[in-house]
Amino acid sequence: MTPPENKNLVEEQKDLIKEVLQAYPEKSRKKREKHLNVMEEGKSDCGVKSNVKSVPGVMTARGCAYAGSKGVVWGPIKAFAMRLK
């Protein structure tokens, strides 16, 4: 991803991130602000922390895919197998 050319755009995006974070409770805000940042000119990365463990009790994309496939795929197969007995 290339950084935005316009410095005003970078500031607008940072302000937007601050506005979005205001909707979160304090505890969640501290955790979420590590995951939101703006790519700036001259920096090698934007400093986003994305390779962290998930919070227990929160459904991740991987967990959602597993649970969905378990119910959608294996549910009917199991029901069909039970009818054959």
PDB file of N, CA and C in Angstrom:
ATOM      1  N   MET A   1       0.845  -1.174   0.000  1.00  0.00           N
ATOM      2  CA  MET A   1       0.000   0.000   0.000  1.00  0.00           C
ATOM      3  C   MET A   1       0.887   1.232   0.000  1.00  0.00           C
ATOM      4  N   THR A   2       0.579   2.173  -0.858  1.00  0.00           N
ATOM      5  CA  THR A   2       1.380   3.385  -0.933  1.00  0.00           C
ATOM      6  C   THR A   2       0.798   4.452  -0.008  1.00  0.00           C
ATOM      7  N   PRO A   3       1.656   5.246   0.609  1.00  0.00           N
ATOM      8  CA  PRO A   3       1.163   6.286   1.505  1.00  0.00           C
ATOM      9  C   PRO A   3       0.489   7.407   0.730  1.00  0.00           C
ATOM     10  N   PRO A   4      -0.472   8.111   1.358  1.00  0.00           N
ATOM     11  CA  PRO A   4      -1.126   9.227   0.673  1.00  0.00           C
ATOM     12  C   PRO A   4      -0.138  10.366   0.436  1.00  0.00           C
ATOM     13  N   GLU A   5      -0.288  11.048  -0.694  1.00  0.00           N
ATOM     14  CA  GLU A   5       0.605  12.143  -1.058  1.00  0.00           C
ATOM     15  C   GLU A   5       0.291  13.413  -0.256  1.00  0.00           C
ATOM     16  N   ASN A   6      -0.959  13.668  -0.020  1.00  0.00           N
ATOM     17  CA  ASN A   6      -1.392  14.907   0.596  1.00  0.00           C
ATOM     18  C   ASN A   6      -1.289  14.826   2.117  1.00  0.00           C
ATOM     19  N   LYS A   7      -0.561  15.765   2.745  1.00  0.00           N
ATOM     20  CA  LYS A   7      -0.416  15.775   4.206  1.00  0.00           C
ATOM     21  C   LYS A   7      -1.754  16.028   4.889  1.00  0.00           C
ATOM     22  N   ASN A   8      -2.624  16.825   4.259  1.00  0.00           N
ATOM     23  CA  ASN A   8      -3.939  17.077   4.846  1.00  0.00           C
ATOM     24  C   ASN A   8      -4.765  15.796   4.884  1.00  0.00           C
ATOM     25  N   LEU A   9      -4.596  14.961   3.897  1.00  0.00           N
ATOM     26  CA  LEU A   9      -5.314  13.685   3.852  1.00  0.00           C
ATOM     27  C   LEU A   9      -4.882  12.784   5.007  1.00  0.00           C
ATOM     28  N   VAL A  10      -3.592  12.777   5.308  1.00  0.00           N
ATOM     29  CA  VAL A  10      -3.078  11.982   6.421  1.00  0.00           C
ATOM     30  C   VAL A  10      -3.688  12.469   7.732  1.00  0.00           C
ATOM     31  N   GLU A  11      -3.720  13.777   7.918  1.00  0.00           N
ATOM     32  CA  GLU A  11      -4.301  14.337   9.144  1.00  0.00           C
ATOM     33  C   GLU A  11      -5.798  14.051   9.226  1.00  0.00           C
ATOM     34  N   GLU A  12      -6.496  14.130   8.097  1.00  0.00           N
ATOM     35  CA  GLU A  12      -7.929  13.826   8.079  1.00  0.00           C
ATOM     36  C   GLU A  12      -8.171  12.370   8.466  1.00  0.00           C
ATOM     37  N   GLN A  13      -7.335  11.482   7.952  1.00  0.00           N
ATOM     38  CA  GLN A  13      -7.483  10.068   8.266  1.00  0.00           C
ATOM     39  C   GLN A  13      -7.190   9.797   9.741  1.00  0.00           C
ATOM     40  N   LYS A  14      -6.193  10.470  10.301  1.00  0.00           N
ATOM     41  CA  LYS A  14      -5.894  10.310  11.731  1.00  0.00           C
ATOM     42  C   LYS A  14      -7.048  10.825  12.579  1.00  0.00           C
ATOM     43  N   ASP A  15      -7.641  11.958  12.171  1.00  0.00           N
ATOM     44  CA  ASP A  15      -8.798  12.487  12.890  1.00  0.00           C
ATOM     45  C   ASP A  15      -9.978  11.527  12.816  1.00  0.00           C
ATOM     46  N   LEU A  16     -10.160  10.913  11.651  1.00  0.00           N
ATOM     47  CA  LEU A  16     -11.242   9.934  11.484  1.00  0.00           C
ATOM     48  C   LEU A  16     -11.035   8.733  12.405  1.00  0.00           C
ATOM     49  N   ILE A  17      -9.801   8.266  12.506  1.00  0.00           N
ATOM     50  CA  ILE A  17      -9.493   7.146  13.400  1.00  0.00           C
ATOM     51  C   ILE A  17      -9.795   7.524  14.848  1.00  0.00           C
ATOM     52  N   LYS A  18      -9.415   8.736  15.259  1.00  0.00           N
ATOM     53  CA  LYS A  18      -9.710   9.196  16.621  1.00  0.00           C
ATOM     54  C   LYS A  18     -11.215   9.237  16.864  1.00  0.00           C
ATOM     55  N   GLU A  19     -11.959   9.696  15.859  1.00  0.00           N
ATOM     56  CA  GLU A  19     -13.418   9.770  15.981  1.00  0.00           C
ATOM     57  C   GLU A  19     -14.027   8.377  16.114  1.00  0.00           C
ATOM     58  N   VAL A  20     -13.526   7.436  15.334  1.00  0.00           N
ATOM     59  CA  VAL A  20     -14.025   6.054  15.401  1.00  0.00           C
ATOM     60  C   VAL A  20     -13.725   5.452  16.768  1.00  0.00           C
ATOM     61  N   LEU A  21     -12.533   5.704  17.285  1.00  0.00           N
ATOM     62  CA  LEU A  21     -12.148   5.127  18.578  1.00  0.00           C
ATOM     63  C   LEU A  21     -12.959   5.697  19.735  1.00  0.00           C
ATOM     64  N   GLN A  22     -13.514   6.884  19.572  1.00  0.00           N
ATOM     65  CA  GLN A  22     -14.326   7.485  20.641  1.00  0.00           C
ATOM     66  C   GLN A  22     -15.596   6.679  20.910  1.00  0.00           C
ATOM     67  N   ALA A  23     -16.024   5.881  19.937  1.00  0.00           N
ATOM     68  CA  ALA A  23     -17.238   5.073  20.114  1.00  0.00           C
ATOM     69  C   ALA A  23     -17.010   3.882  21.033  1.00  0.00           C
ATOM     70  N   TYR A  24     -15.758   3.495  21.240  1.00  0.00           N
ATOM     71  CA  TYR A  24     -15.430   2.330  22.047  1.00  0.00           C
ATOM     72  C   TYR A  24     -15.307   2.696  23.525  1.00  0.00           C
ATOM     73  N   PRO A  25     -15.614   1.763  24.430  1.00  0.00           N
ATOM     74  CA  PRO A  25     -15.308   1.970  25.845  1.00  0.00           C
ATOM     75  C   PRO A  25     -13.787   2.054  26.037  1.00  0.00           C
ATOM     76  N   GLU A  26     -13.333   2.630  27.128  1.00  0.00           N
ATOM     77  CA  GLU A  26     -11.906   2.883  27.358  1.00  0.00           C
ATOM     78  C   GLU A  26     -11.054   1.618  27.217  1.00  0.00           C
ATOM     79  N   LYS A  27     -11.492   0.514  27.817  1.00  0.00           N
ATOM     80  CA  LYS A  27     -10.715  -0.724  27.774  1.00  0.00           C
ATOM     81  C   LYS A  27     -10.577  -1.242  26.343  1.00  0.00           C
ATOM     82  N   SER A  28     -11.665  -1.222  25.603  1.00  0.00           N
ATOM     83  CA  SER A  28     -11.634  -1.684  24.214  1.00  0.00           C
ATOM     84  C   SER A  28     -10.857  -0.719  23.331  1.00  0.00           C
ATOM     85  N   ARG A  29     -10.963   0.565  23.620  1.00  0.00           N
ATOM     86  CA  ARG A  29     -10.272   1.578  22.828  1.00  0.00           C
ATOM     87  C   ARG A  29      -8.767   1.358  22.867  1.00  0.00           C
ATOM     88  N   LYS A  30      -8.240   1.045  24.052  1.00  0.00           N
ATOM     89  CA  LYS A  30      -6.799   0.818  24.184  1.00  0.00           C
ATOM     90  C   LYS A  30      -6.353  -0.366  23.335  1.00  0.00           C
ATOM     91  N   LYS A  31      -7.175  -1.404  23.277  1.00  0.00           N
ATOM     92  CA  LYS A  31      -6.825  -2.580  22.482  1.00  0.00           C
ATOM     93  C   LYS A  31      -6.977  -2.313  20.989  1.00  0.00           C
ATOM     94  N   ARG A  32      -8.011  -1.569  20.581  1.00  0.00           N
ATOM     95  CA  ARG A  32      -8.290  -1.333  19.167  1.00  0.00           C
ATOM     96  C   ARG A  32      -7.319  -0.348  18.532  1.00  0.00           C
ATOM     97  N   GLU A  33      -6.813   0.630  19.295  1.00  0.00           N
ATOM     98  CA  GLU A  33      -5.977   1.651  18.674  1.00  0.00           C
ATOM     99  C   GLU A  33      -4.651   1.094  18.164  1.00  0.00           C
ATOM    100  N   LYS A  34      -4.267  -0.097  18.599  1.00  0.00           N
ATOM    101  CA  LYS A  34      -3.075  -0.754  18.066  1.00  0.00           C
ATOM    102  C   LYS A  34      -3.311  -1.263  16.650  1.00  0.00           C
ATOM    103  N   HIS A  35      -4.567  -1.426  16.263  1.00  0.00           N
ATOM    104  CA  HIS A  35      -4.920  -2.023  14.987  1.00  0.00           C
ATOM    105  C   HIS A  35      -5.329  -0.999  13.930  1.00  0.00           C
ATOM    106  N   LEU A  36      -5.343   0.282  14.281  1.00  0.00           N
ATOM    107  CA  LEU A  36      -5.747   1.326  13.343  1.00  0.00           C
ATOM    108  C   LEU A  36      -4.638   2.362  13.239  1.00  0.00           C
ATOM    109  N   ASN A  37      -4.188   2.645  12.022  1.00  0.00           N
ATOM    110  CA  ASN A  37      -3.155   3.643  11.820  1.00  0.00           C
ATOM    111  C   ASN A  37      -3.157   4.074  10.361  1.00  0.00           C
ATOM    112  N   VAL A  38      -2.412   5.128  10.056  1.00  0.00           N
ATOM    113  CA  VAL A  38      -2.337   5.678   8.709  1.00  0.00           C
ATOM    114  C   VAL A  38      -0.913   5.522   8.195  1.00  0.00           C
ATOM    115  N   MET A  39      -0.777   5.082   6.959  1.00  0.00           N
ATOM    116  CA  MET A  39       0.531   4.981   6.314  1.00  0.00           C
ATOM    117  C   MET A  39       1.019   6.383   5.971  1.00  0.00           C
ATOM    118  N   GLU A  40       2.225   6.724   6.415  1.00  0.00           N
ATOM    119  CA  GLU A  40       2.773   8.054   6.165  1.00  0.00           C
ATOM    120  C   GLU A  40       3.979   7.983   5.243  1.00  0.00           C
ATOM    121  N   GLU A  41       4.233   9.085   4.552  1.00  0.00           N
ATOM    122  CA  GLU A  41       5.362   9.196   3.629  1.00  0.00           C
ATOM    123  C   GLU A  41       6.675   9.035   4.379  1.00  0.00           C
ATOM    124  N   GLY A  42       7.574   8.209   3.846  1.00  0.00           N
ATOM    125  CA  GLY A  42       8.896   8.054   4.434  1.00  0.00           C
ATOM    126  C   GLY A  42       9.006   6.983   5.507  1.00  0.00           C
ATOM    127  N   LYS A  43       7.904   6.390   5.914  1.00  0.00           N
ATOM    128  CA  LYS A  43       7.949   5.322   6.913  1.00  0.00           C
ATOM    129  C   LYS A  43       7.880   3.970   6.206  1.00  0.00           C
ATOM    130  N   SER A  44       8.583   2.984   6.774  1.00  0.00           N
ATOM    131  CA  SER A  44       8.606   1.669   6.138  1.00  0.00           C
ATOM    132  C   SER A  44       7.301   0.896   6.334  1.00  0.00           C
ATOM    133  N   ASP A  45       6.608   1.153   7.430  1.00  0.00           N
ATOM    134  CA  ASP A  45       5.303   0.532   7.646  1.00  0.00           C
ATOM    135  C   ASP A  45       4.439   1.492   8.453  1.00  0.00           C
ATOM    136  N   CYS A  46       3.183   1.115   8.665  1.00  0.00           N
ATOM    137  CA  CYS A  46       2.269   2.012   9.370  1.00  0.00           C
ATOM    138  C   CYS A  46       2.180   1.689  10.859  1.00  0.00           C
ATOM    139  N   GLY A  47       2.886   0.660  11.323  1.00  0.00           N
ATOM    140  CA  GLY A  47       2.929   0.361  12.742  1.00  0.00           C
ATOM    141  C   GLY A  47       1.723  -0.379  13.282  1.00  0.00           C
ATOM    142  N   VAL A  48       0.924  -0.970  12.427  1.00  0.00           N
ATOM    143  CA  VAL A  48      -0.257  -1.708  12.875  1.00  0.00           C
ATOM    144  C   VAL A  48       0.178  -3.041  13.460  1.00  0.00           C
ATOM    145  N   LYS A  49      -0.344  -3.362  14.627  1.00  0.00           N
ATOM    146  CA  LYS A  49      -0.058  -4.645  15.277  1.00  0.00           C
ATOM    147  C   LYS A  49      -1.172  -5.609  14.922  1.00  0.00           C
ATOM    148  N   SER A  50      -0.887  -6.540  14.008  1.00  0.00           N
ATOM    149  CA  SER A  50      -1.949  -7.441  13.571  1.00  0.00           C
ATOM    150  C   SER A  50      -1.693  -8.895  13.943  1.00  0.00           C
ATOM    151  N   ASN A  51      -0.492  -9.253  14.289  1.00  0.00           N
ATOM    152  CA  ASN A  51      -0.195 -10.637  14.598  1.00  0.00           C
ATOM    153  C   ASN A  51      -0.190 -10.847  16.114  1.00  0.00           C
ATOM    154  N   VAL A  52      -1.344 -10.648  16.719  1.00  0.00           N
ATOM    155  CA  VAL A  52      -1.478 -10.826  18.162  1.00  0.00           C
ATOM    156  C   VAL A  52      -2.546 -11.880  18.424  1.00  0.00           C
ATOM    157  N   LYS A  53      -2.488 -12.471  19.602  1.00  0.00           N
ATOM    158  CA  LYS A  53      -3.482 -13.481  19.961  1.00  0.00           C
ATOM    159  C   LYS A  53      -4.854 -12.836  20.098  1.00  0.00           C
ATOM    160  N   SER A  54      -5.879 -13.608  19.810  1.00  0.00           N
ATOM    161  CA  SER A  54      -7.235 -13.097  19.943  1.00  0.00           C
ATOM    162  C   SER A  54      -7.657 -13.127  21.406  1.00  0.00           C
ATOM    163  N   VAL A  55      -8.629 -12.310  21.725  1.00  0.00           N
ATOM    164  CA  VAL A  55      -9.167 -12.223  23.079  1.00  0.00           C
ATOM    165  C   VAL A  55     -10.118 -13.399  23.285  1.00  0.00           C
ATOM    166  N   PRO A  56      -9.997 -14.138  24.385  1.00  0.00           N
ATOM    167  CA  PRO A  56     -10.908 -15.253  24.625  1.00  0.00           C
ATOM    168  C   PRO A  56     -12.373 -14.788  24.626  1.00  0.00           C
ATOM    169  N   GLY A  57     -13.207 -15.551  23.978  1.00  0.00           N
ATOM    170  CA  GLY A  57     -14.627 -15.224  23.918  1.00  0.00           C
ATOM    171  C   GLY A  57     -15.010 -14.403  22.700  1.00  0.00           C
ATOM    172  N   VAL A  58     -14.048 -13.925  21.935  1.00  0.00           N
ATOM    173  CA  VAL A  58     -14.320 -13.139  20.740  1.00  0.00           C
ATOM    174  C   VAL A  58     -14.223 -14.054  19.529  1.00  0.00           C
ATOM    175  N   MET A  59     -15.221 -13.998  18.669  1.00  0.00           N
ATOM    176  CA  MET A  59     -15.236 -14.844  17.477  1.00  0.00           C
ATOM    177  C   MET A  59     -14.307 -14.251  16.428  1.00  0.00           C
ATOM    178  N   THR A  60     -13.276 -14.997  16.064  1.00  0.00           N
ATOM    179  CA  THR A  60     -12.349 -14.568  15.021  1.00  0.00           C
ATOM    180  C   THR A  60     -12.856 -15.056  13.671  1.00  0.00           C
ATOM    181  N   ALA A  61     -12.243 -14.583  12.598  1.00  0.00           N
ATOM    182  CA  ALA A  61     -12.640 -15.032  11.255  1.00  0.00           C
ATOM    183  C   ALA A  61     -12.403 -16.528  11.106  1.00  0.00           C
ATOM    184  N   ARG A  62     -11.293 -17.009  11.651  1.00  0.00           N
ATOM    185  CA  ARG A  62     -10.988 -18.441  11.557  1.00  0.00           C
ATOM    186  C   ARG A  62     -12.004 -19.261  12.346  1.00  0.00           C
ATOM    187  N   GLY A  63     -12.344 -18.803  13.538  1.00  0.00           N
ATOM    188  CA  GLY A  63     -13.323 -19.513  14.356  1.00  0.00           C
ATOM    189  C   GLY A  63     -14.699 -19.518  13.725  1.00  0.00           C
ATOM    190  N   CYS A  64     -15.053 -18.411  13.087  1.00  0.00           N
ATOM    191  CA  CYS A  64     -16.348 -18.310  12.427  1.00  0.00           C
ATOM    192  C   CYS A  64     -16.418 -19.281  11.251  1.00  0.00           C
ATOM    193  N   ALA A  65     -15.341 -19.365  10.493  1.00  0.00           N
ATOM    194  CA  ALA A  65     -15.313 -20.294   9.357  1.00  0.00           C
ATOM    195  C   ALA A  65     -15.414 -21.737   9.843  1.00  0.00           C
ATOM    196  N   TYR A  66     -14.712 -22.051  10.932  1.00  0.00           N
ATOM    197  CA  TYR A  66     -14.759 -23.413  11.470  1.00  0.00           C
ATOM    198  C   TYR A  66     -16.164 -23.746  11.971  1.00  0.00           C
ATOM    199  N   ALA A  67     -16.738 -22.841  12.753  1.00  0.00           N
ATOM    200  CA  ALA A  67     -18.068 -23.106  13.310  1.00  0.00           C
ATOM    201  C   ALA A  67     -19.115 -23.192  12.209  1.00  0.00           C
ATOM    202  N   GLY A  68     -18.998 -22.348  11.198  1.00  0.00           N
ATOM    203  CA  GLY A  68     -19.959 -22.371  10.097  1.00  0.00           C
ATOM    204  C   GLY A  68     -19.870 -23.655   9.301  1.00  0.00           C
ATOM    205  N   SER A  69     -18.643 -24.078   9.010  1.00  0.00           N
ATOM    206  CA  SER A  69     -18.500 -25.316   8.236  1.00  0.00           C
ATOM    207  C   SER A  69     -18.933 -26.519   9.049  1.00  0.00           C
ATOM    208  N   LYS A  70     -18.693 -26.478  10.340  1.00  0.00           N
ATOM    209  CA  LYS A  70     -19.094 -27.597  11.190  1.00  0.00           C
ATOM    210  C   LYS A  70     -20.618 -27.748  11.180  1.00  0.00           C
ATOM    211  N   GLY A  71     -21.322 -26.621  11.257  1.00  0.00           N
ATOM    212  CA  GLY A  71     -22.779 -26.692  11.266  1.00  0.00           C
ATOM    213  C   GLY A  71     -23.382 -26.921   9.899  1.00  0.00           C
ATOM    214  N   VAL A  72     -22.838 -26.265   8.884  1.00  0.00           N
ATOM    215  CA  VAL A  72     -23.415 -26.331   7.547  1.00  0.00           C
ATOM    216  C   VAL A  72     -23.053 -27.632   6.843  1.00  0.00           C
ATOM    217  N   VAL A  73     -21.810 -28.070   6.978  1.00  0.00           N
ATOM    218  CA  VAL A  73     -21.364 -29.265   6.265  1.00  0.00           C
ATOM    219  C   VAL A  73     -21.621 -30.523   7.087  1.00  0.00           C
ATOM    220  N   TRP A  74     -21.127 -30.546   8.297  1.00  0.00           N
ATOM    221  CA  TRP A  74     -21.221 -31.775   9.094  1.00  0.00           C
ATOM    222  C   TRP A  74     -22.597 -32.000   9.695  1.00  0.00           C
ATOM    223  N   GLY A  75     -23.366 -30.950   9.899  1.00  0.00           N
ATOM    224  CA  GLY A  75     -24.716 -31.123  10.442  1.00  0.00           C
ATOM    225  C   GLY A  75     -25.583 -32.027   9.580  1.00  0.00           C
ATOM    226  N   PRO A  76     -25.751 -31.712   8.291  1.00  0.00           N
ATOM    227  CA  PRO A  76     -26.557 -32.565   7.416  1.00  0.00           C
ATOM    228  C   PRO A  76     -25.967 -33.966   7.230  1.00  0.00           C
ATOM    229  N   ILE A  77     -24.631 -34.068   7.169  1.00  0.00           N
ATOM    230  CA  ILE A  77     -24.004 -35.389   7.013  1.00  0.00           C
ATOM    231  C   ILE A  77     -24.301 -36.258   8.232  1.00  0.00           C
ATOM    232  N   LYS A  78     -24.183 -35.664   9.408  1.00  0.00           N
ATOM    233  CA  LYS A  78     -24.464 -36.404  10.641  1.00  0.00           C
ATOM    234  C   LYS A  78     -25.935 -36.809  10.700  1.00  0.00           C
ATOM    235  N   ALA A  79     -26.831 -35.899  10.311  1.00  0.00           N
ATOM    236  CA  ALA A  79     -28.261 -36.209  10.324  1.00  0.00           C
ATOM    237  C   ALA A  79     -28.577 -37.329   9.336  1.00  0.00           C
ATOM    238  N   PHE A  80     -27.946 -37.302   8.182  1.00  0.00           N
ATOM    239  CA  PHE A  80     -28.156 -38.340   7.180  1.00  0.00           C
ATOM    240  C   PHE A  80     -27.629 -39.685   7.690  1.00  0.00           C
ATOM    241  N   ALA A  81     -26.478 -39.671   8.334  1.00  0.00           N
ATOM    242  CA  ALA A  81     -25.901 -40.897   8.856  1.00  0.00           C
ATOM    243  C   ALA A  81     -26.797 -41.493   9.954  1.00  0.00           C
ATOM    244  N   MET A  82     -27.413 -40.640  10.744  1.00  0.00           N
ATOM    245  CA  MET A  82     -28.286 -41.124  11.824  1.00  0.00           C
ATOM    246  C   MET A  82     -29.548 -41.783  11.235  1.00  0.00           C
ATOM    247  N   ARG A  83     -30.008 -41.301  10.084  1.00  0.00           N
ATOM    248  CA  ARG A  83     -31.186 -41.885   9.455  1.00  0.00           C
ATOM    249  C   ARG A  83     -30.891 -43.261   8.869  1.00  0.00           C
ATOM    250  N   LEU A  84     -29.625 -43.483   8.495  1.00  0.00           N
ATOM    251  CA  LEU A  84     -29.264 -44.774   7.907  1.00  0.00           C
ATOM    252  C   LEU A  84     -29.213 -45.883   8.949  1.00  0.00           C
ATOM    253  N   LYS A  85     -29.059 -45.548  10.196  1.00  0.00           N
ATOM    254  CA  LYS A  85     -28.956 -46.580  11.246  1.00  0.00           C
ATOM    255  C   LYS A  85     -30.247 -47.287  11.487  1.00  0.00           C
TER     256      LYS A  85
END
